[in-house]
PDB file of all heavy atoms in Angstrom:
ATOM      1  N   THR A   1       3.476  14.541   7.158  1.00  0.00           N
ATOM      2  CA  THR A   1       3.699  14.722   8.584  1.00  0.00           C
ATOM      3  C   THR A   1       4.285  13.439   9.155  1.00  0.00           C
ATOM      4  O   THR A   1       3.904  12.342   8.741  1.00  0.00           O
ATOM      5  CB  THR A   1       2.378  15.034   9.318  1.00  0.00           C
ATOM      6  OG1 THR A   1       1.680  16.073   8.635  1.00  0.00           O
ATOM      7  CG2 THR A   1       2.631  15.458  10.756  1.00  0.00           C
ATOM      8  N   CYS A   2       5.211  13.557  10.085  1.00  0.00           N
ATOM      9  CA  CYS A   2       5.758  12.397  10.794  1.00  0.00           C
ATOM     10  C   CYS A   2       5.801  12.706  12.285  1.00  0.00           C
ATOM     11  O   CYS A   2       5.892  13.868  12.692  1.00  0.00           O
ATOM     12  CB  CYS A   2       7.166  12.054  10.303  1.00  0.00           C
ATOM     13  SG  CYS A   2       7.270  11.486   8.590  1.00  0.00           S
ATOM     14  N   ALA A   3       5.756  11.652  13.097  1.00  0.00           N
ATOM     15  CA  ALA A   3       5.814  11.824  14.545  1.00  0.00           C
ATOM     16  C   ALA A   3       6.430  10.593  15.189  1.00  0.00           C
ATOM     17  O   ALA A   3       6.405   9.499  14.614  1.00  0.00           O
ATOM     18  CB  ALA A   3       4.415  12.080  15.103  1.00  0.00           C
ATOM     19  N   VAL A   4       6.968  10.779  16.384  1.00  0.00           N
ATOM     20  CA  VAL A   4       7.554   9.699  17.167  1.00  0.00           C
ATOM     21  C   VAL A   4       6.632   9.408  18.340  1.00  0.00           C
ATOM     22  O   VAL A   4       6.187  10.324  19.043  1.00  0.00           O
ATOM     23  CB  VAL A   4       8.960  10.070  17.670  1.00  0.00           C
ATOM     24  CG1 VAL A   4       9.505   8.982  18.593  1.00  0.00           C
ATOM     25  CG2 VAL A   4       9.909  10.292  16.504  1.00  0.00           C
ATOM     26  N   THR A   5       6.324   8.118  18.551  1.00  0.00           N
ATOM     27  CA  THR A   5       5.428   7.725  19.626  1.00  0.00           C
ATOM     28  C   THR A   5       6.173   7.614  20.955  1.00  0.00           C
ATOM     29  O   THR A   5       7.407   7.656  21.010  1.00  0.00           O
ATOM     30  CB  THR A   5       4.765   6.371  19.335  1.00  0.00           C
ATOM     31  OG1 THR A   5       5.767   5.345  19.416  1.00  0.00           O
ATOM     32  CG2 THR A   5       4.126   6.353  17.945  1.00  0.00           C
ATOM     33  N   ASP A   6       5.390   7.409  22.018  1.00  0.00           N
ATOM     34  CA  ASP A   6       6.001   7.216  23.332  1.00  0.00           C
ATOM     35  C   ASP A   6       6.722   5.876  23.440  1.00  0.00           C
ATOM     36  O   ASP A   6       7.425   5.613  24.417  1.00  0.00           O
ATOM     37  CB  ASP A   6       4.958   7.373  24.438  1.00  0.00           C
ATOM     38  CG  ASP A   6       3.759   6.445  24.274  1.00  0.00           C
ATOM     39  OD1 ASP A   6       3.750   5.610  23.333  1.00  0.00           O
ATOM     40  OD2 ASP A   6       2.814   6.555  25.067  1.00  0.00           O
ATOM     41  N   ALA A   7       6.573   5.019  22.410  1.00  0.00           N
ATOM     42  CA  ALA A   7       7.333   3.771  22.334  1.00  0.00           C
ATOM     43  C   ALA A   7       8.552   3.923  21.424  1.00  0.00           C
ATOM     44  O   ALA A   7       9.187   2.925  21.057  1.00  0.00           O
ATOM     45  CB  ALA A   7       6.435   2.642  21.825  1.00  0.00           C
ATOM     46  N   SER A   8       8.863   5.164  21.029  1.00  0.00           N
ATOM     47  CA  SER A   8      10.039   5.495  20.210  1.00  0.00           C
ATOM     48  C   SER A   8       9.946   4.984  18.774  1.00  0.00           C
ATOM     49  O   SER A   8      10.962   4.834  18.095  1.00  0.00           O
ATOM     50  CB  SER A   8      11.336   4.989  20.859  1.00  0.00           C
ATOM     51  OG  SER A   8      11.505   5.530  22.150  1.00  0.00           O
ATOM     52  N   GLU A   9       8.729   4.741  18.303  1.00  0.00           N
ATOM     53  CA  GLU A   9       8.518   4.348  16.918  1.00  0.00           C
ATOM     54  C   GLU A   9       8.102   5.551  16.092  1.00  0.00           C
ATOM     55  O   GLU A   9       7.404   6.449  16.586  1.00  0.00           O
ATOM     56  CB  GLU A   9       7.443   3.261  16.819  1.00  0.00           C
ATOM     57  CG  GLU A   9       7.835   1.959  17.481  1.00  0.00           C
ATOM     58  CD  GLU A   9       6.747   0.911  17.388  1.00  0.00           C
ATOM     59  OE1 GLU A   9       5.561   1.296  17.407  1.00  0.00           O
ATOM     60  OE2 GLU A   9       7.068  -0.281  17.309  1.00  0.00           O
ATOM     61  N   ALA A  10       8.525   5.589  14.816  1.00  0.00           N
ATOM     62  CA  ALA A  10       8.167   6.684  13.923  1.00  0.00           C
ATOM     63  C   ALA A  10       6.980   6.290  13.061  1.00  0.00           C
ATOM     64  O   ALA A  10       6.927   5.179  12.521  1.00  0.00           O
ATOM     65  CB  ALA A  10       9.351   7.060  13.047  1.00  0.00           C
ATOM     66  N   TYR A  11       6.027   7.195  12.943  1.00  0.00           N
ATOM     67  CA  TYR A  11       4.869   7.040  12.068  1.00  0.00           C
ATOM     68  C   TYR A  11       4.787   8.256  11.159  1.00  0.00           C
ATOM     69  O   TYR A  11       5.119   9.377  11.572  1.00  0.00           O
ATOM     70  CB  TYR A  11       3.574   6.930  12.878  1.00  0.00           C
ATOM     71  CG  TYR A  11       3.346   5.581  13.516  1.00  0.00           C
ATOM     72  CD1 TYR A  11       4.049   5.193  14.650  1.00  0.00           C
ATOM     73  CD2 TYR A  11       2.418   4.695  12.981  1.00  0.00           C
ATOM     74  CE1 TYR A  11       3.847   3.958  15.231  1.00  0.00           C
ATOM     75  CE2 TYR A  11       2.196   3.445  13.561  1.00  0.00           C
ATOM     76  CZ  TYR A  11       2.916   3.081  14.685  1.00  0.00           C
ATOM     77  OH  TYR A  11       2.709   1.855  15.255  1.00  0.00           O
ATOM     78  N   CYS A  12       4.350   8.048   9.919  1.00  0.00           N
ATOM     79  CA  CYS A  12       4.194   9.144   8.966  1.00  0.00           C
ATOM     80  C   CYS A  12       2.866   9.029   8.233  1.00  0.00           C
ATOM     81  O   CYS A  12       2.283   7.941   8.147  1.00  0.00           O
ATOM     82  CB  CYS A  12       5.335   9.158   7.953  1.00  0.00           C
ATOM     83  SG  CYS A  12       6.978   9.482   8.652  1.00  0.00           S
ATOM     84  N   TRP A  13       2.403  10.165   7.684  1.00  0.00           N
ATOM     85  CA  TRP A  13       1.165  10.175   6.909  1.00  0.00           C
ATOM     86  C   TRP A  13       1.175  11.365   5.951  1.00  0.00           C
ATOM     87  O   TRP A  13       1.924  12.319   6.129  1.00  0.00           O
ATOM     88  CB  TRP A  13      -0.057  10.202   7.822  1.00  0.00           C
ATOM     89  CG  TRP A  13      -0.095  11.320   8.828  1.00  0.00           C
ATOM     90  CD1 TRP A  13      -0.702  12.545   8.707  1.00  0.00           C
ATOM     91  CD2 TRP A  13       0.470  11.317  10.154  1.00  0.00           C
ATOM     92  NE1 TRP A  13      -0.546  13.292   9.846  1.00  0.00           N
ATOM     93  CE2 TRP A  13       0.162  12.563  10.755  1.00  0.00           C
ATOM     94  CE3 TRP A  13       1.206  10.374  10.895  1.00  0.00           C
ATOM     95  CZ2 TRP A  13       0.573  12.894  12.043  1.00  0.00           C
ATOM     96  CZ3 TRP A  13       1.613  10.718  12.179  1.00  0.00           C
ATOM     97  CH2 TRP A  13       1.296  11.953  12.742  1.00  0.00           C
ATOM     98  N   GLY A  14       0.359  11.259   4.881  1.00  0.00           N
ATOM     99  CA  GLY A  14       0.274  12.333   3.889  1.00  0.00           C
ATOM    100  C   GLY A  14       0.894  11.939   2.560  1.00  0.00           C
ATOM    101  O   GLY A  14       0.879  10.772   2.154  1.00  0.00           O
ATOM    102  N   ASN A  15       1.462  12.919   1.876  1.00  0.00           N
ATOM    103  CA  ASN A  15       2.059  12.718   0.557  1.00  0.00           C
ATOM    104  C   ASN A  15       3.278  11.794   0.640  1.00  0.00           C
ATOM    105  O   ASN A  15       4.128  11.954   1.512  1.00  0.00           O
ATOM    106  CB  ASN A  15       2.457  14.082  -0.016  1.00  0.00           C
ATOM    107  CG  ASN A  15       2.947  13.994  -1.442  1.00  0.00           C
ATOM    108  OD1 ASN A  15       2.818  12.976  -2.101  1.00  0.00           O
ATOM    109  ND2 ASN A  15       3.512  15.083  -1.934  1.00  0.00           N
ATOM    110  N   ASN A  16       3.364  10.848  -0.305  1.00  0.00           N
ATOM    111  CA  ASN A  16       4.448   9.869  -0.287  1.00  0.00           C
ATOM    112  C   ASN A  16       5.028   9.646  -1.681  1.00  0.00           C
ATOM    113  O   ASN A  16       5.503   8.565  -2.000  1.00  0.00           O
ATOM    114  CB  ASN A  16       3.940   8.542   0.288  1.00  0.00           C
ATOM    115  CG  ASN A  16       5.055   7.593   0.674  1.00  0.00           C
ATOM    116  OD1 ASN A  16       6.141   8.018   1.053  1.00  0.00           O
ATOM    117  ND2 ASN A  16       4.790   6.293   0.578  1.00  0.00           N
ATOM    118  N   SER A  17       5.005  10.692  -2.512  1.00  0.00           N
ATOM    119  CA  SER A  17       5.368  10.563  -3.927  1.00  0.00           C
ATOM    120  C   SER A  17       6.793  10.084  -4.150  1.00  0.00           C
ATOM    121  O   SER A  17       7.097   9.462  -5.177  1.00  0.00           O
ATOM    122  CB  SER A  17       5.159  11.905  -4.642  1.00  0.00           C
ATOM    123  OG  SER A  17       5.930  12.922  -4.018  1.00  0.00           O
ATOM    124  N   VAL A  18       7.709  10.378  -3.213  1.00  0.00           N
ATOM    125  CA  VAL A  18       9.110   9.955  -3.359  1.00  0.00           C
ATOM    126  C   VAL A  18       9.590   9.159  -2.154  1.00  0.00           C
ATOM    127  O   VAL A  18      10.787   9.102  -1.875  1.00  0.00           O
ATOM    128  CB  VAL A  18      10.035  11.173  -3.609  1.00  0.00           C
ATOM    129  CG1 VAL A  18       9.827  11.745  -4.995  1.00  0.00           C
ATOM    130  CG2 VAL A  18       9.826  12.251  -2.549  1.00  0.00           C
ATOM    131  N   GLY A  19       8.654   8.559  -1.437  1.00  0.00           N
ATOM    132  CA  GLY A  19       9.023   7.717  -0.304  1.00  0.00           C
ATOM    133  C   GLY A  19       9.241   8.448   0.996  1.00  0.00           C
ATOM    134  O   GLY A  19       9.790   7.886   1.943  1.00  0.00           O
ATOM    135  N   GLN A  20       8.766   9.700   1.102  1.00  0.00           N
ATOM    136  CA  GLN A  20       9.029  10.504   2.298  1.00  0.00           C
ATOM    137  C   GLN A  20       8.318  10.011   3.554  1.00  0.00           C
ATOM    138  O   GLN A  20       8.589  10.497   4.651  1.00  0.00           O
ATOM    139  CB  GLN A  20       8.713  11.984   2.048  1.00  0.00           C
ATOM    140  CG  GLN A  20       7.268  12.302   1.682  1.00  0.00           C
ATOM    141  CD  GLN A  20       7.046  12.410   0.189  1.00  0.00           C
ATOM    142  OE1 GLN A  20       7.455  11.543  -0.573  1.00  0.00           O
ATOM    143  NE2 GLN A  20       6.385  13.477  -0.235  1.00  0.00           N
ATOM    144  N   LEU A  21       7.420   9.029   3.415  1.00  0.00           N
ATOM    145  CA  LEU A  21       6.790   8.440   4.603  1.00  0.00           C
ATOM    146  C   LEU A  21       7.610   7.291   5.176  1.00  0.00           C
ATOM    147  O   LEU A  21       7.363   6.850   6.303  1.00  0.00           O
ATOM    148  CB  LEU A  21       5.371   7.949   4.280  1.00  0.00           C
ATOM    149  CG  LEU A  21       4.372   8.996   3.758  1.00  0.00           C
ATOM    150  CD1 LEU A  21       2.971   8.397   3.722  1.00  0.00           C
ATOM    151  CD2 LEU A  21       4.392  10.270   4.597  1.00  0.00           C
ATOM    152  N   GLY A  22       8.552   6.784   4.395  1.00  0.00           N
ATOM    153  CA  GLY A  22       9.447   5.745   4.898  1.00  0.00           C
ATOM    154  C   GLY A  22       8.798   4.404   5.147  1.00  0.00           C
ATOM    155  O   GLY A  22       9.273   3.615   5.972  1.00  0.00           O
ATOM    156  N   ILE A  23       7.736   4.096   4.399  1.00  0.00           N
ATOM    157  CA  ILE A  23       6.958   2.883   4.667  1.00  0.00           C
ATOM    158  C   ILE A  23       7.227   1.780   3.651  1.00  0.00           C
ATOM    159  O   ILE A  23       6.530   0.765   3.611  1.00  0.00           O
ATOM    160  CB  ILE A  23       5.452   3.201   4.701  1.00  0.00           C
ATOM    161  CG1 ILE A  23       4.975   3.769   3.359  1.00  0.00           C
ATOM    162  CG2 ILE A  23       5.149   4.166   5.834  1.00  0.00           C
ATOM    163  CD1 ILE A  23       3.468   3.973   3.265  1.00  0.00           C
ATOM    164  N   GLY A  24       8.229   1.962   2.794  1.00  0.00           N
ATOM    165  CA  GLY A  24       8.589   0.940   1.827  1.00  0.00           C
ATOM    166  C   GLY A  24       7.809   0.982   0.537  1.00  0.00           C
ATOM    167  O   GLY A  24       7.907   0.067  -0.284  1.00  0.00           O
ATOM    168  N   SER A  25       7.043   2.039   0.321  1.00  0.00           N
ATOM    169  CA  SER A  25       6.289   2.219  -0.917  1.00  0.00           C
ATOM    170  C   SER A  25       6.158   3.700  -1.196  1.00  0.00           C
ATOM    171  O   SER A  25       6.667   4.541  -0.436  1.00  0.00           O
ATOM    172  CB  SER A  25       4.891   1.595  -0.801  1.00  0.00           C
ATOM    173  OG  SER A  25       4.030   2.425  -0.022  1.00  0.00           O
ATOM    174  N   VAL A  26       5.480   4.051  -2.305  1.00  0.00           N
ATOM    175  CA  VAL A  26       5.233   5.464  -2.618  1.00  0.00           C
ATOM    176  C   VAL A  26       3.730   5.749  -2.623  1.00  0.00           C
ATOM    177  O   VAL A  26       3.261   6.668  -3.279  1.00  0.00           O
ATOM    178  CB  VAL A  26       5.867   5.869  -3.966  1.00  0.00           C
ATOM    179  CG1 VAL A  26       7.373   5.881  -3.872  1.00  0.00           C
ATOM    180  CG2 VAL A  26       5.394   4.960  -5.096  1.00  0.00           C
ATOM    181  N   ALA A  27       2.978   4.987  -1.850  1.00  0.00           N
ATOM    182  CA  ALA A  27       1.537   5.194  -1.742  1.00  0.00           C
ATOM    183  C   ALA A  27       1.240   6.215  -0.646  1.00  0.00           C
ATOM    184  O   ALA A  27       1.755   6.104   0.475  1.00  0.00           O
ATOM    185  CB  ALA A  27       0.830   3.874  -1.431  1.00  0.00           C
ATOM    186  N   ASP A  28       0.413   7.222  -0.965  1.00  0.00           N
ATOM    187  CA  ASP A  28      -0.003   8.192   0.047  1.00  0.00           C
ATOM    188  C   ASP A  28      -0.773   7.491   1.165  1.00  0.00           C
ATOM    189  O   ASP A  28      -1.413   6.453   0.940  1.00  0.00           O
ATOM    190  CB  ASP A  28      -0.896   9.269  -0.574  1.00  0.00           C
ATOM    191  CG  ASP A  28      -0.171  10.149  -1.589  1.00  0.00           C
ATOM    192  OD1 ASP A  28       1.071  10.058  -1.674  1.00  0.00           O
ATOM    193  OD2 ASP A  28      -0.851  10.926  -2.282  1.00  0.00           O
ATOM    194  N   GLN A  29      -0.727   8.084   2.354  1.00  0.00           N
ATOM    195  CA  GLN A  29      -1.434   7.520   3.503  1.00  0.00           C
ATOM    196  C   GLN A  29      -2.188   8.631   4.234  1.00  0.00           C
ATOM    197  O   GLN A  29      -1.605   9.665   4.567  1.00  0.00           O
ATOM    198  CB  GLN A  29      -0.453   6.854   4.476  1.00  0.00           C
ATOM    199  CG  GLN A  29       0.384   5.747   3.871  1.00  0.00           C
ATOM    200  CD  GLN A  29      -0.411   4.521   3.511  1.00  0.00           C
ATOM    201  OE1 GLN A  29      -1.383   4.170   4.190  1.00  0.00           O
ATOM    202  NE2 GLN A  29      -0.029   3.840   2.427  1.00  0.00           N
ATOM    203  N   ALA A  30      -3.470   8.410   4.492  1.00  0.00           N
ATOM    204  CA  ALA A  30      -4.284   9.404   5.193  1.00  0.00           C
ATOM    205  C   ALA A  30      -4.366   9.140   6.690  1.00  0.00           C
ATOM    206  O   ALA A  30      -5.004   9.894   7.422  1.00  0.00           O
ATOM    207  CB  ALA A  30      -5.696   9.444   4.592  1.00  0.00           C
ATOM    208  N   SER A  31      -3.717   8.073   7.147  1.00  0.00           N
ATOM    209  CA  SER A  31      -3.662   7.733   8.569  1.00  0.00           C
ATOM    210  C   SER A  31      -2.219   7.380   8.930  1.00  0.00           C
ATOM    211  O   SER A  31      -1.437   6.985   8.057  1.00  0.00           O
ATOM    212  CB  SER A  31      -4.574   6.543   8.876  1.00  0.00           C
ATOM    213  OG  SER A  31      -5.928   6.841   8.598  1.00  0.00           O
ATOM    214  N   PRO A  32      -1.834   7.501  10.193  1.00  0.00           N
ATOM    215  CA  PRO A  32      -0.463   7.178  10.587  1.00  0.00           C
ATOM    216  C   PRO A  32      -0.069   5.766  10.194  1.00  0.00           C
ATOM    217  O   PRO A  32      -0.803   4.808  10.456  1.00  0.00           O
ATOM    218  CB  PRO A  32      -0.495   7.342  12.113  1.00  0.00           C
ATOM    219  CG  PRO A  32      -1.603   8.302  12.367  1.00  0.00           C
ATOM    220  CD  PRO A  32      -2.643   8.000  11.328  1.00  0.00           C
ATOM    221  N   THR A  33       1.086   5.650   9.556  1.00  0.00           N
ATOM    222  CA  THR A  33       1.617   4.366   9.111  1.00  0.00           C
ATOM    223  C   THR A  33       3.043   4.234   9.624  1.00  0.00           C
ATOM    224  O   THR A  33       3.843   5.163   9.497  1.00  0.00           O
ATOM    225  CB  THR A  33       1.578   4.269   7.576  1.00  0.00           C
ATOM    226  OG1 THR A  33       0.232   4.503   7.119  1.00  0.00           O
ATOM    227  CG2 THR A  33       2.031   2.896   7.110  1.00  0.00           C
ATOM    228  N   ARG A  34       3.355   3.081  10.200  1.00  0.00           N
ATOM    229  CA  ARG A  34       4.653   2.907  10.848  1.00  0.00           C
ATOM    230  C   ARG A  34       5.789   2.904   9.830  1.00  0.00           C
ATOM    231  O   ARG A  34       5.720   2.264   8.789  1.00  0.00           O
ATOM    232  CB  ARG A  34       4.667   1.602  11.643  1.00  0.00           C
ATOM    233  CG  ARG A  34       5.905   1.408  12.502  1.00  0.00           C
ATOM    234  CD  ARG A  34       5.780   0.138  13.339  1.00  0.00           C
ATOM    235  NE  ARG A  34       6.978  -0.103  14.121  1.00  0.00           N
ATOM    236  CZ  ARG A  34       8.056  -0.727  13.675  1.00  0.00           C
ATOM    237  NH1 ARG A  34       8.076  -1.204  12.436  1.00  0.00           N
ATOM    238  NH2 ARG A  34       9.106  -0.898  14.455  1.00  0.00           N
ATOM    239  N   VAL A  35       6.840   3.652  10.130  1.00  0.00           N
ATOM    240  CA  VAL A  35       8.033   3.707   9.295  1.00  0.00           C
ATOM    241  C   VAL A  35       8.740   2.361   9.361  1.00  0.00           C
ATOM    242  O   VAL A  35       8.866   1.756  10.434  1.00  0.00           O
ATOM    243  CB  VAL A  35       8.965   4.839   9.767  1.00  0.00           C
ATOM    244  CG1 VAL A  35      10.291   4.819   9.019  1.00  0.00           C
ATOM    245  CG2 VAL A  35       8.271   6.188   9.581  1.00  0.00           C
ATOM    246  N   GLU A  36       9.206   1.879   8.200  1.00  0.00           N
ATOM    247  CA  GLU A  36       9.811   0.545   8.101  1.00  0.00           C
ATOM    248  C   GLU A  36      11.237   0.532   8.631  1.00  0.00           C
ATOM    249  O   GLU A  36      12.211   0.708   7.894  1.00  0.00           O
ATOM    250  CB  GLU A  36       9.809   0.075   6.638  1.00  0.00           C
ATOM    251  CG  GLU A  36       8.559  -0.656   6.238  1.00  0.00           C
ATOM    252  CD  GLU A  36       8.804  -1.601   5.070  1.00  0.00           C
ATOM    253  OE1 GLU A  36       9.917  -1.630   4.514  1.00  0.00           O
ATOM    254  OE2 GLU A  36       7.866  -2.310   4.703  1.00  0.00           O
ATOM    255  N   THR A  37      11.381   0.325   9.916  1.00  0.00           N
ATOM    256  CA  THR A  37      12.700   0.205  10.540  1.00  0.00           C
ATOM    257  C   THR A  37      12.541  -0.332  11.948  1.00  0.00           C
ATOM    258  O   THR A  37      11.482  -0.157  12.584  1.00  0.00           O
ATOM    259  CB  THR A  37      13.418   1.564  10.591  1.00  0.00           C
ATOM    260  OG1 THR A  37      14.687   1.418  11.230  1.00  0.00           O
ATOM    261  CG2 THR A  37      12.605   2.594  11.353  1.00  0.00           C
ATOM    262  N   SER A  38      13.594  -0.985  12.440  1.00  0.00           N
ATOM    263  CA  SER A  38      13.593  -1.444  13.827  1.00  0.00           C
ATOM    264  C   SER A  38      14.246  -0.413  14.747  1.00  0.00           C
ATOM    265  O   SER A  38      14.286  -0.602  15.962  1.00  0.00           O
ATOM    266  CB  SER A  38      14.340  -2.781  13.939  1.00  0.00           C
ATOM    267  OG  SER A  38      15.689  -2.636  13.489  1.00  0.00           O
ATOM    268  N   ALA A  39      14.756   0.675  14.147  1.00  0.00           N
ATOM    269  CA  ALA A  39      15.401   1.723  14.940  1.00  0.00           C
ATOM    270  C   ALA A  39      14.383   2.381  15.866  1.00  0.00           C
ATOM    271  O   ALA A  39      13.195   2.487  15.546  1.00  0.00           O
ATOM    272  CB  ALA A  39      16.033   2.760  14.023  1.00  0.00           C
ATOM    273  N   ARG A  40      14.848   2.839  17.005  1.00  0.00           N
ATOM    274  CA  ARG A  40      13.997   3.534  17.967  1.00  0.00           C
ATOM    275  C   ARG A  40      14.443   4.991  18.031  1.00  0.00           C
ATOM    276  O   ARG A  40      15.625   5.282  18.218  1.00  0.00           O
ATOM    277  CB  ARG A  40      14.098   2.876  19.343  1.00  0.00           C
ATOM    278  CG  ARG A  40      13.472   1.475  19.371  1.00  0.00           C
ATOM    279  CD  ARG A  40      11.970   1.570  19.118  1.00  0.00           C
ATOM    280  NE  ARG A  40      11.309   0.268  19.141  1.00  0.00           N
ATOM    281  CZ  ARG A  40      11.013  -0.423  18.056  1.00  0.00           C
ATOM    282  NH1 ARG A  40      11.362   0.049  16.850  1.00  0.00           N
ATOM    283  NH2 ARG A  40      10.389  -1.569  18.144  1.00  0.00           N
ATOM    284  N   PHE A  41      13.485   5.892  17.881  1.00  0.00           N
ATOM    285  CA  PHE A  41      13.811   7.296  17.678  1.00  0.00           C
ATOM    286  C   PHE A  41      13.441   8.175  18.874  1.00  0.00           C
ATOM    287  O   PHE A  41      12.521   7.867  19.640  1.00  0.00           O
ATOM    288  CB  PHE A  41      13.095   7.815  16.435  1.00  0.00           C
ATOM    289  CG  PHE A  41      13.535   7.144  15.157  1.00  0.00           C
ATOM    290  CD1 PHE A  41      12.698   6.269  14.479  1.00  0.00           C
ATOM    291  CD2 PHE A  41      14.804   7.373  14.647  1.00  0.00           C
ATOM    292  CE1 PHE A  41      13.103   5.646  13.308  1.00  0.00           C
ATOM    293  CE2 PHE A  41      15.221   6.760  13.483  1.00  0.00           C
ATOM    294  CZ  PHE A  41      14.372   5.887  12.811  1.00  0.00           C
ATOM    295  N   ALA A  42      14.170   9.296  18.972  1.00  0.00           N
ATOM    296  CA  ALA A  42      13.885  10.300  19.990  1.00  0.00           C
ATOM    297  C   ALA A  42      13.161  11.494  19.402  1.00  0.00           C
ATOM    298  O   ALA A  42      12.355  12.139  20.080  1.00  0.00           O
ATOM    299  CB  ALA A  42      15.186  10.758  20.651  1.00  0.00           C
ATOM    300  N   SER A  43      13.451  11.816  18.122  1.00  0.00           N
ATOM    301  CA  SER A  43      12.839  12.995  17.500  1.00  0.00           C
ATOM    302  C   SER A  43      12.830  12.823  15.994  1.00  0.00           C
ATOM    303  O   SER A  43      13.556  11.994  15.439  1.00  0.00           O
ATOM    304  CB  SER A  43      13.610  14.269  17.871  1.00  0.00           C
ATOM    305  OG  SER A  43      14.947  14.196  17.396  1.00  0.00           O
ATOM    306  N   VAL A  44      12.015  13.635  15.334  1.00  0.00           N
ATOM    307  CA  VAL A  44      11.882  13.593  13.885  1.00  0.00           C
ATOM    308  C   VAL A  44      11.878  15.014  13.349  1.00  0.00           C
ATOM    309  O   VAL A  44      11.441  15.945  14.039  1.00  0.00           O
ATOM    310  CB  VAL A  44      10.590  12.836  13.474  1.00  0.00           C
ATOM    311  CG1 VAL A  44       9.347  13.555  13.971  1.00  0.00           C
ATOM    312  CG2 VAL A  44      10.538  12.592  11.983  1.00  0.00           C
ATOM    313  N   THR A  45      12.405  15.199  12.139  1.00  0.00           N
ATOM    314  CA  THR A  45      12.448  16.510  11.494  1.00  0.00           C
ATOM    315  C   THR A  45      12.246  16.309   9.998  1.00  0.00           C
ATOM    316  O   THR A  45      12.714  15.309   9.439  1.00  0.00           O
ATOM    317  CB  THR A  45      13.781  17.232  11.781  1.00  0.00           C
ATOM    318  OG1 THR A  45      13.795  18.492  11.106  1.00  0.00           O
ATOM    319  CG2 THR A  45      14.973  16.412  11.335  1.00  0.00           C
TER     320      THR A  45
END
């Protein structure tokens, strides 16, 4: 799962076997972890 905060930052959590959380590793996360980028987002899919 991924979501965009009211500060336009992306956070992801859950399965990360191929880097789908975008956090710079392939470790699963059970809590929201900030996506590794300085970009500011409006939406996620």
